[in-house]
């Protein structure tokens, strides 16, 4: 059994770059977890703009998606640090770092401003009420930052793997 397993891993005498594999694996895993959760909560939020049912569903759903988004961001950043460990902070790694910084700031706004507001309303029995227009506008801007940021990160990783590495 061990011989069969080792034969699958043969690389023509070339050493297996396990650290690179780990870095890219964590990078992609972060996108799967984080971007998946972002997509779920963004769809809920979009539906909740004019619907009391979906506003309440968004309040409940964000309790699951919020930690998943942070886990995804942590995994993606960890993967980036490993993947780009020899590249230095220039070019694509720099751009991805700036975007990751914007995603962290966006996440802090959502986690420490929007989330407590929604949870307070839930405790008060008002989770079904539509959010005020001023907050909906801020959340819509946050959605654009999130959507553009996460998908730009994915594109830049693909670009880096195909064109640079």
N, C-alpha and C. Protein backbone atom coordinates (compact mmCIF):
# COMPACT_ATOMS: atom_id res chain seq x y z
N UNK A 1 0.82 -1.19 0.00
CA UNK A 1 0.00 0.00 0.00
C UNK A 1 0.87 1.26 0.00
N UNK A 2 1.95 1.26 0.80
CA UNK A 2 2.83 2.42 0.86
C UNK A 2 3.50 2.68 -0.48
N UNK A 3 3.86 1.62 -1.19
CA UNK A 3 4.51 1.78 -2.49
C UNK A 3 3.55 2.42 -3.48
N UNK A 4 2.29 2.01 -3.47
CA UNK A 4 1.29 2.60 -4.35
C UNK A 4 1.13 4.08 -4.04
N UNK A 5 1.04 4.44 -2.77
CA UNK A 5 0.89 5.83 -2.37
C UNK A 5 2.09 6.66 -2.81
N UNK A 6 3.28 6.14 -2.60
CA UNK A 6 4.49 6.86 -2.98
C UNK A 6 4.60 7.01 -4.49
N UNK A 7 4.14 6.02 -5.23
CA UNK A 7 4.23 6.12 -6.70
C UNK A 7 3.32 7.23 -7.22
N UNK A 8 2.21 7.47 -6.55
CA UNK A 8 1.32 8.55 -6.95
C UNK A 8 2.00 9.90 -6.73
N UNK A 9 2.85 9.99 -5.71
CA UNK A 9 3.51 11.24 -5.36
C UNK A 9 4.82 11.47 -6.09
N UNK A 10 5.23 10.52 -6.94
CA UNK A 10 6.50 10.70 -7.63
C UNK A 10 6.43 11.92 -8.54
N UNK A 11 7.50 12.64 -8.56
CA UNK A 11 7.56 13.87 -9.35
C UNK A 11 8.77 13.86 -10.27
N UNK A 12 9.12 12.69 -10.77
CA UNK A 12 10.27 12.59 -11.66
C UNK A 12 11.58 12.91 -10.97
N UNK A 13 11.72 12.51 -9.74
CA UNK A 13 12.95 12.77 -8.99
C UNK A 13 13.04 14.16 -8.39
N UNK A 14 12.08 15.00 -8.71
CA UNK A 14 12.04 16.36 -8.18
C UNK A 14 11.43 16.33 -6.77
N UNK A 15 11.99 17.09 -5.83
CA UNK A 15 11.39 17.10 -4.48
C UNK A 15 9.99 17.73 -4.51
N UNK A 16 9.13 17.22 -3.65
CA UNK A 16 7.77 17.75 -3.56
C UNK A 16 7.80 19.05 -2.75
N UNK A 17 7.30 20.15 -3.32
CA UNK A 17 7.32 21.44 -2.61
C UNK A 17 6.14 21.54 -1.64
N UNK A 18 6.23 20.81 -0.53
CA UNK A 18 5.11 20.71 0.40
C UNK A 18 4.69 22.06 0.96
N UNK A 19 5.62 22.94 1.22
CA UNK A 19 5.25 24.24 1.77
C UNK A 19 4.45 25.06 0.75
N UNK A 20 4.85 24.99 -0.51
CA UNK A 20 4.09 25.68 -1.57
C UNK A 20 2.70 25.08 -1.70
N UNK A 21 2.62 23.77 -1.64
CA UNK A 21 1.32 23.10 -1.73
C UNK A 21 0.43 23.53 -0.57
N UNK A 22 1.00 23.56 0.64
CA UNK A 22 0.24 23.99 1.81
C UNK A 22 -0.23 25.43 1.65
N UNK A 23 0.65 26.31 1.20
CA UNK A 23 0.29 27.71 1.03
C UNK A 23 -0.86 27.90 0.06
N UNK A 24 -0.77 27.29 -1.10
CA UNK A 24 -1.83 27.44 -2.10
C UNK A 24 -3.11 26.77 -1.61
N UNK A 25 -2.98 25.63 -0.93
CA UNK A 25 -4.15 24.95 -0.38
C UNK A 25 -4.87 25.86 0.63
N UNK A 26 -4.13 26.47 1.54
CA UNK A 26 -4.76 27.36 2.53
C UNK A 26 -5.37 28.59 1.85
N UNK A 27 -4.67 29.13 0.87
CA UNK A 27 -5.14 30.28 0.11
C UNK A 27 -6.51 29.97 -0.51
N UNK A 28 -6.57 28.86 -1.23
CA UNK A 28 -7.82 28.48 -1.91
C UNK A 28 -8.90 28.08 -0.91
N UNK A 29 -8.51 27.38 0.15
CA UNK A 29 -9.48 27.00 1.18
C UNK A 29 -10.11 28.26 1.80
N UNK A 30 -9.29 29.27 2.03
CA UNK A 30 -9.81 30.53 2.56
C UNK A 30 -10.84 31.15 1.63
N UNK A 31 -10.59 31.09 0.34
CA UNK A 31 -11.56 31.63 -0.62
C UNK A 31 -12.85 30.81 -0.61
N UNK A 32 -12.73 29.50 -0.54
CA UNK A 32 -13.92 28.65 -0.55
C UNK A 32 -14.79 28.95 0.68
N UNK A 33 -14.16 28.96 1.85
CA UNK A 33 -14.91 29.19 3.09
C UNK A 33 -15.41 30.63 3.16
N UNK A 34 -14.52 31.59 2.99
CA UNK A 34 -14.89 33.00 3.15
C UNK A 34 -15.83 33.51 2.07
N UNK A 35 -15.49 33.24 0.83
CA UNK A 35 -16.33 33.74 -0.27
C UNK A 35 -17.67 33.02 -0.30
N UNK A 36 -17.68 31.75 0.09
CA UNK A 36 -18.96 31.03 0.19
C UNK A 36 -19.87 31.69 1.21
N UNK A 37 -19.32 32.00 2.38
CA UNK A 37 -20.12 32.63 3.43
C UNK A 37 -20.54 34.04 3.02
N UNK A 38 -19.64 34.77 2.37
CA UNK A 38 -19.96 36.12 1.90
C UNK A 38 -21.13 36.06 0.91
N UNK A 39 -21.09 35.10 0.02
CA UNK A 39 -22.16 34.97 -0.98
C UNK A 39 -23.50 34.71 -0.30
N UNK A 40 -23.52 33.82 0.69
CA UNK A 40 -24.77 33.50 1.40
C UNK A 40 -25.32 34.74 2.09
N UNK A 41 -24.50 35.45 2.84
CA UNK A 41 -25.02 36.59 3.59
C UNK A 41 -25.37 37.76 2.66
N UNK A 42 -24.63 37.91 1.57
CA UNK A 42 -24.96 38.98 0.63
C UNK A 42 -26.31 38.74 -0.04
N UNK A 43 -26.60 37.49 -0.38
CA UNK A 43 -27.91 37.18 -0.98
C UNK A 43 -29.01 37.44 0.04
N UNK A 44 -28.79 37.01 1.28
CA UNK A 44 -29.79 37.28 2.33
C UNK A 44 -29.99 38.79 2.50
N UNK A 45 -28.90 39.51 2.58
CA UNK A 45 -29.00 40.95 2.76
C UNK A 45 -29.72 41.63 1.61
N UNK A 46 -29.43 41.19 0.38
CA UNK A 46 -30.12 41.76 -0.78
C UNK A 46 -31.62 41.51 -0.69
N UNK A 47 -31.99 40.29 -0.33
CA UNK A 47 -33.41 39.96 -0.22
C UNK A 47 -34.07 40.69 0.95
N UNK A 48 -33.29 41.00 1.98
CA UNK A 48 -33.82 41.66 3.17
C UNK A 48 -34.01 43.15 3.05
N UNK A 49 -33.60 43.73 1.93
CA UNK A 49 -33.74 45.18 1.78
C UNK A 49 -35.19 45.63 1.88
N UNK A 50 -36.11 44.85 1.35
CA UNK A 50 -37.53 45.24 1.30
C UNK A 50 -38.45 44.19 1.91
N UNK A 51 -37.88 43.21 2.58
CA UNK A 51 -38.69 42.11 3.11
C UNK A 51 -38.39 41.89 4.59
N UNK A 52 -39.43 41.93 5.40
CA UNK A 52 -39.24 41.69 6.83
C UNK A 52 -38.83 40.24 7.09
N UNK A 53 -39.35 39.31 6.29
CA UNK A 53 -38.97 37.90 6.44
C UNK A 53 -37.47 37.73 6.24
N UNK A 54 -36.94 38.29 5.13
CA UNK A 54 -35.52 38.13 4.81
C UNK A 54 -34.63 38.98 5.71
N UNK A 55 -35.16 40.07 6.25
CA UNK A 55 -34.38 40.84 7.23
C UNK A 55 -34.13 39.99 8.47
N UNK A 56 -35.17 39.32 8.95
CA UNK A 56 -35.01 38.44 10.11
C UNK A 56 -34.10 37.26 9.78
N UNK A 57 -34.27 36.70 8.59
CA UNK A 57 -33.42 35.57 8.17
C UNK A 57 -31.95 36.01 8.10
N UNK A 58 -31.71 37.22 7.65
CA UNK A 58 -30.34 37.74 7.57
C UNK A 58 -29.73 37.87 8.95
N UNK A 59 -30.51 38.35 9.90
CA UNK A 59 -30.03 38.48 11.29
C UNK A 59 -29.61 37.12 11.82
N UNK A 60 -30.40 36.11 11.55
CA UNK A 60 -30.07 34.77 12.05
C UNK A 60 -28.90 34.17 11.29
N UNK A 61 -28.89 34.33 9.99
CA UNK A 61 -27.84 33.73 9.15
C UNK A 61 -26.47 34.32 9.44
N UNK A 62 -26.42 35.61 9.72
CA UNK A 62 -25.11 36.26 9.91
C UNK A 62 -24.37 35.69 11.12
N UNK A 63 -25.09 35.07 12.05
CA UNK A 63 -24.43 34.46 13.21
C UNK A 63 -23.55 33.28 12.79
N UNK A 64 -23.89 32.67 11.67
CA UNK A 64 -23.09 31.56 11.14
C UNK A 64 -22.06 32.06 10.14
N UNK A 65 -22.47 32.97 9.26
CA UNK A 65 -21.57 33.41 8.19
C UNK A 65 -20.44 34.30 8.69
N UNK A 66 -20.71 35.11 9.71
CA UNK A 66 -19.67 36.03 10.21
C UNK A 66 -18.40 35.30 10.64
N UNK A 67 -18.50 34.27 11.49
CA UNK A 67 -17.25 33.57 11.84
C UNK A 67 -16.62 32.85 10.64
N UNK A 68 -17.44 32.35 9.73
CA UNK A 68 -16.89 31.67 8.55
C UNK A 68 -16.11 32.64 7.66
N UNK A 69 -16.61 33.86 7.54
CA UNK A 69 -15.91 34.87 6.74
C UNK A 69 -14.56 35.18 7.38
N UNK A 70 -14.53 35.35 8.71
CA UNK A 70 -13.26 35.63 9.39
C UNK A 70 -12.31 34.44 9.26
N UNK A 71 -12.82 33.23 9.39
CA UNK A 71 -11.97 32.04 9.22
C UNK A 71 -11.41 32.01 7.80
N UNK A 72 -12.26 32.26 6.81
CA UNK A 72 -11.81 32.27 5.42
C UNK A 72 -10.75 33.32 5.17
N UNK A 73 -10.96 34.50 5.73
CA UNK A 73 -9.97 35.58 5.56
C UNK A 73 -8.65 35.20 6.21
N UNK A 74 -8.71 34.62 7.41
CA UNK A 74 -7.50 34.18 8.10
C UNK A 74 -6.76 33.10 7.29
N UNK A 75 -7.50 32.13 6.77
CA UNK A 75 -6.88 31.07 5.96
C UNK A 75 -6.26 31.63 4.69
N UNK A 76 -6.97 32.52 4.02
CA UNK A 76 -6.45 33.10 2.77
C UNK A 76 -5.19 33.92 3.04
N UNK A 77 -5.21 34.71 4.09
CA UNK A 77 -4.02 35.51 4.43
C UNK A 77 -2.86 34.60 4.82
N UNK A 78 -3.14 33.56 5.59
CA UNK A 78 -2.09 32.61 5.96
C UNK A 78 -1.50 31.94 4.72
N UNK A 79 -2.38 31.54 3.82
CA UNK A 79 -1.92 30.93 2.57
C UNK A 79 -1.10 31.90 1.74
N UNK A 80 -1.51 33.16 1.73
CA UNK A 80 -0.75 34.17 0.98
C UNK A 80 0.63 34.37 1.56
N UNK A 81 0.70 34.42 2.88
CA UNK A 81 2.00 34.60 3.53
C UNK A 81 2.95 33.45 3.20
N UNK A 82 2.43 32.24 3.15
CA UNK A 82 3.27 31.09 2.80
C UNK A 82 3.60 31.12 1.31
N UNK A 83 2.59 31.33 0.48
CA UNK A 83 2.78 31.29 -0.97
C UNK A 83 3.76 32.35 -1.46
N UNK A 84 3.65 33.54 -0.90
CA UNK A 84 4.49 34.66 -1.36
C UNK A 84 5.69 34.90 -0.45
N UNK A 85 6.06 33.92 0.35
CA UNK A 85 7.13 34.11 1.34
C UNK A 85 8.45 34.55 0.72
N UNK A 86 8.73 34.15 -0.50
CA UNK A 86 9.99 34.52 -1.15
C UNK A 86 9.83 35.69 -2.13
N UNK A 87 8.60 36.12 -2.37
CA UNK A 87 8.33 37.14 -3.38
C UNK A 87 8.55 38.56 -2.89
N UNK A 88 8.43 38.76 -1.60
CA UNK A 88 8.47 40.13 -1.09
C UNK A 88 7.13 40.80 -1.29
N UNK A 89 7.00 41.96 -0.73
CA UNK A 89 5.73 42.67 -0.78
C UNK A 89 5.75 43.70 -1.91
N UNK A 90 5.61 43.19 -3.14
CA UNK A 90 5.53 44.06 -4.30
C UNK A 90 4.67 43.38 -5.34
N UNK A 91 4.21 44.12 -6.32
CA UNK A 91 3.40 43.55 -7.38
C UNK A 91 2.10 42.96 -6.86
N UNK A 92 1.79 41.76 -7.31
CA UNK A 92 0.54 41.11 -6.94
C UNK A 92 0.43 40.90 -5.43
N UNK A 93 1.47 40.41 -4.75
CA UNK A 93 1.32 40.26 -3.29
C UNK A 93 0.98 41.58 -2.59
N UNK A 94 1.56 42.67 -3.05
CA UNK A 94 1.25 43.97 -2.45
C UNK A 94 -0.21 44.34 -2.70
N UNK A 95 -0.65 44.19 -3.94
CA UNK A 95 -2.03 44.50 -4.28
C UNK A 95 -3.00 43.63 -3.48
N UNK A 96 -2.68 42.34 -3.36
CA UNK A 96 -3.54 41.47 -2.58
C UNK A 96 -3.52 41.85 -1.09
N UNK A 97 -2.40 42.31 -0.62
CA UNK A 97 -2.32 42.76 0.76
C UNK A 97 -3.19 43.99 1.02
N UNK A 98 -3.17 44.92 0.08
CA UNK A 98 -4.01 46.12 0.20
C UNK A 98 -5.49 45.73 0.18
N UNK A 99 -5.85 44.84 -0.73
CA UNK A 99 -7.24 44.39 -0.80
C UNK A 99 -7.63 43.65 0.47
N UNK A 100 -6.74 42.80 0.98
CA UNK A 100 -7.02 42.09 2.23
C UNK A 100 -7.21 43.09 3.38
N UNK A 101 -6.42 44.15 3.39
CA UNK A 101 -6.60 45.19 4.40
C UNK A 101 -7.98 45.83 4.30
N UNK A 102 -8.44 46.10 3.08
CA UNK A 102 -9.78 46.67 2.89
C UNK A 102 -10.85 45.68 3.34
N UNK A 103 -10.64 44.39 3.07
CA UNK A 103 -11.60 43.38 3.52
C UNK A 103 -11.64 43.28 5.04
N UNK A 104 -10.49 43.40 5.68
CA UNK A 104 -10.45 43.38 7.15
C UNK A 104 -11.19 44.59 7.71
N UNK A 105 -10.93 45.77 7.18
CA UNK A 105 -11.63 46.97 7.64
C UNK A 105 -13.14 46.85 7.42
N UNK A 106 -13.52 46.34 6.27
CA UNK A 106 -14.92 46.12 5.96
C UNK A 106 -15.54 45.14 6.96
N UNK A 107 -14.80 44.07 7.26
CA UNK A 107 -15.27 43.07 8.22
C UNK A 107 -15.40 43.64 9.62
N UNK A 108 -14.49 44.52 9.99
CA UNK A 108 -14.57 45.16 11.31
C UNK A 108 -15.83 46.03 11.41
N UNK A 109 -16.12 46.78 10.35
CA UNK A 109 -17.34 47.59 10.32
C UNK A 109 -18.58 46.70 10.48
N UNK A 110 -18.62 45.62 9.72
CA UNK A 110 -19.78 44.74 9.78
C UNK A 110 -19.88 44.02 11.12
N UNK A 111 -18.74 43.58 11.65
CA UNK A 111 -18.74 42.80 12.89
C UNK A 111 -19.00 43.64 14.14
N UNK A 112 -18.50 44.88 14.13
CA UNK A 112 -18.58 45.68 15.36
C UNK A 112 -19.53 46.86 15.28
N UNK A 113 -20.16 47.06 14.13
CA UNK A 113 -21.16 48.11 14.00
C UNK A 113 -22.51 47.52 13.58
N UNK A 114 -22.53 46.85 12.44
CA UNK A 114 -23.79 46.32 11.91
C UNK A 114 -24.29 45.14 12.73
N UNK A 115 -23.41 44.18 13.00
CA UNK A 115 -23.83 42.99 13.74
C UNK A 115 -24.42 43.30 15.12
N UNK A 116 -23.75 44.11 15.95
CA UNK A 116 -24.35 44.43 17.25
C UNK A 116 -25.71 45.13 17.11
N UNK A 117 -25.84 45.97 16.09
CA UNK A 117 -27.11 46.66 15.85
C UNK A 117 -28.21 45.64 15.56
N UNK A 118 -27.91 44.69 14.70
CA UNK A 118 -28.89 43.67 14.34
C UNK A 118 -29.23 42.76 15.53
N UNK A 119 -28.22 42.40 16.31
CA UNK A 119 -28.46 41.54 17.46
C UNK A 119 -29.28 42.26 18.54
N UNK A 120 -29.04 43.54 18.69
CA UNK A 120 -29.82 44.34 19.66
C UNK A 120 -31.29 44.36 19.24
N UNK A 121 -31.53 44.58 17.97
CA UNK A 121 -32.90 44.60 17.46
C UNK A 121 -33.56 43.23 17.64
N UNK A 122 -32.77 42.18 17.48
CA UNK A 122 -33.33 40.84 17.67
C UNK A 122 -33.74 40.65 19.14
N UNK A 123 -32.89 41.06 20.06
CA UNK A 123 -33.21 40.95 21.51
C UNK A 123 -34.46 41.75 21.87
N UNK A 124 -34.65 42.85 21.17
CA UNK A 124 -35.82 43.70 21.41
C UNK A 124 -37.08 43.20 20.71
N UNK A 125 -36.96 42.10 19.97
CA UNK A 125 -38.11 41.56 19.23
C UNK A 125 -38.41 42.32 17.95
N UNK A 126 -37.40 43.01 17.41
CA UNK A 126 -37.59 43.83 16.21
C UNK A 126 -36.77 43.33 15.02
N UNK A 127 -36.36 42.06 15.05
CA UNK A 127 -35.50 41.52 13.99
C UNK A 127 -36.18 41.52 12.63
N UNK A 128 -37.49 41.52 12.62
CA UNK A 128 -38.23 41.48 11.36
C UNK A 128 -38.36 42.87 10.71
N UNK A 129 -38.09 43.92 11.48
CA UNK A 129 -38.23 45.27 10.93
C UNK A 129 -37.12 45.57 9.93
N UNK A 130 -37.50 46.24 8.85
CA UNK A 130 -36.50 46.63 7.86
C UNK A 130 -35.47 47.56 8.49
N UNK A 131 -34.24 47.46 8.02
CA UNK A 131 -33.18 48.34 8.51
C UNK A 131 -33.40 49.75 7.97
N UNK A 132 -32.98 50.77 8.72
CA UNK A 132 -33.11 52.15 8.23
C UNK A 132 -32.35 52.33 6.91
N UNK A 133 -32.87 53.23 6.08
CA UNK A 133 -32.25 53.47 4.77
C UNK A 133 -30.77 53.84 4.90
N UNK A 134 -30.43 54.66 5.89
CA UNK A 134 -29.04 55.09 6.03
C UNK A 134 -28.12 53.88 6.28
N UNK A 135 -28.58 52.93 7.09
CA UNK A 135 -27.78 51.73 7.33
C UNK A 135 -27.77 50.83 6.11
N UNK A 136 -28.88 50.75 5.41
CA UNK A 136 -28.91 49.92 4.19
C UNK A 136 -27.93 50.44 3.15
N UNK A 137 -27.77 51.75 3.06
CA UNK A 137 -26.80 52.34 2.11
C UNK A 137 -25.38 51.94 2.51
N UNK A 138 -25.07 52.04 3.81
CA UNK A 138 -23.74 51.65 4.28
C UNK A 138 -23.48 50.16 4.02
N UNK A 139 -24.49 49.35 4.24
CA UNK A 139 -24.34 47.91 4.00
C UNK A 139 -24.17 47.64 2.51
N UNK A 140 -24.86 48.39 1.66
CA UNK A 140 -24.72 48.22 0.21
C UNK A 140 -23.30 48.56 -0.24
N UNK A 141 -22.73 49.62 0.31
CA UNK A 141 -21.34 49.98 0.00
C UNK A 141 -20.41 48.87 0.49
N UNK A 142 -20.69 48.36 1.67
CA UNK A 142 -19.91 47.26 2.23
C UNK A 142 -19.98 46.03 1.34
N UNK A 143 -21.15 45.76 0.79
CA UNK A 143 -21.33 44.64 -0.14
C UNK A 143 -20.43 44.80 -1.36
N UNK A 144 -20.39 46.00 -1.92
CA UNK A 144 -19.57 46.25 -3.11
C UNK A 144 -18.09 46.04 -2.77
N UNK A 145 -17.65 46.56 -1.64
CA UNK A 145 -16.26 46.37 -1.21
C UNK A 145 -15.96 44.88 -1.05
N UNK A 146 -16.86 44.18 -0.40
CA UNK A 146 -16.67 42.76 -0.15
C UNK A 146 -16.64 41.96 -1.45
N UNK A 147 -17.63 42.16 -2.28
CA UNK A 147 -17.74 41.43 -3.55
C UNK A 147 -16.52 41.69 -4.43
N UNK A 148 -16.20 42.96 -4.62
CA UNK A 148 -15.06 43.32 -5.46
C UNK A 148 -13.75 42.81 -4.85
N UNK A 149 -13.62 42.93 -3.54
CA UNK A 149 -12.39 42.51 -2.88
C UNK A 149 -12.16 41.02 -2.96
N UNK A 150 -13.14 40.22 -2.58
CA UNK A 150 -12.96 38.77 -2.59
C UNK A 150 -12.70 38.25 -4.00
N UNK A 151 -13.49 38.71 -4.98
CA UNK A 151 -13.30 38.20 -6.34
C UNK A 151 -12.00 38.72 -6.96
N UNK A 152 -11.58 39.90 -6.60
CA UNK A 152 -10.28 40.40 -7.07
C UNK A 152 -9.15 39.56 -6.50
N UNK A 153 -9.27 39.17 -5.24
CA UNK A 153 -8.27 38.30 -4.62
C UNK A 153 -8.16 36.97 -5.37
N UNK A 154 -9.30 36.38 -5.68
CA UNK A 154 -9.30 35.11 -6.41
C UNK A 154 -8.64 35.29 -7.78
N UNK A 155 -9.05 36.33 -8.50
CA UNK A 155 -8.48 36.58 -9.83
C UNK A 155 -6.97 36.79 -9.75
N UNK A 156 -6.53 37.58 -8.79
CA UNK A 156 -5.10 37.86 -8.68
C UNK A 156 -4.29 36.61 -8.32
N UNK A 157 -4.85 35.71 -7.52
CA UNK A 157 -4.15 34.46 -7.24
C UNK A 157 -4.03 33.64 -8.52
N UNK A 158 -5.11 33.52 -9.26
CA UNK A 158 -5.07 32.78 -10.52
C UNK A 158 -4.05 33.41 -11.47
N UNK A 159 -4.09 34.73 -11.59
CA UNK A 159 -3.13 35.44 -12.45
C UNK A 159 -1.69 35.13 -12.02
N UNK A 160 -1.47 35.20 -10.73
CA UNK A 160 -0.13 34.94 -10.20
C UNK A 160 0.33 33.52 -10.50
N UNK A 161 -0.56 32.56 -10.31
CA UNK A 161 -0.18 31.16 -10.55
C UNK A 161 0.08 30.88 -12.02
N UNK A 162 -0.70 31.48 -12.89
CA UNK A 162 -0.56 31.21 -14.32
C UNK A 162 0.54 32.05 -14.97
N UNK A 163 0.60 33.34 -14.62
CA UNK A 163 1.48 34.24 -15.34
C UNK A 163 2.84 34.48 -14.66
N UNK A 164 2.90 34.34 -13.35
CA UNK A 164 4.10 34.72 -12.64
C UNK A 164 4.89 33.53 -12.14
N UNK A 165 4.23 32.59 -11.49
CA UNK A 165 4.94 31.49 -10.84
C UNK A 165 5.34 30.40 -11.81
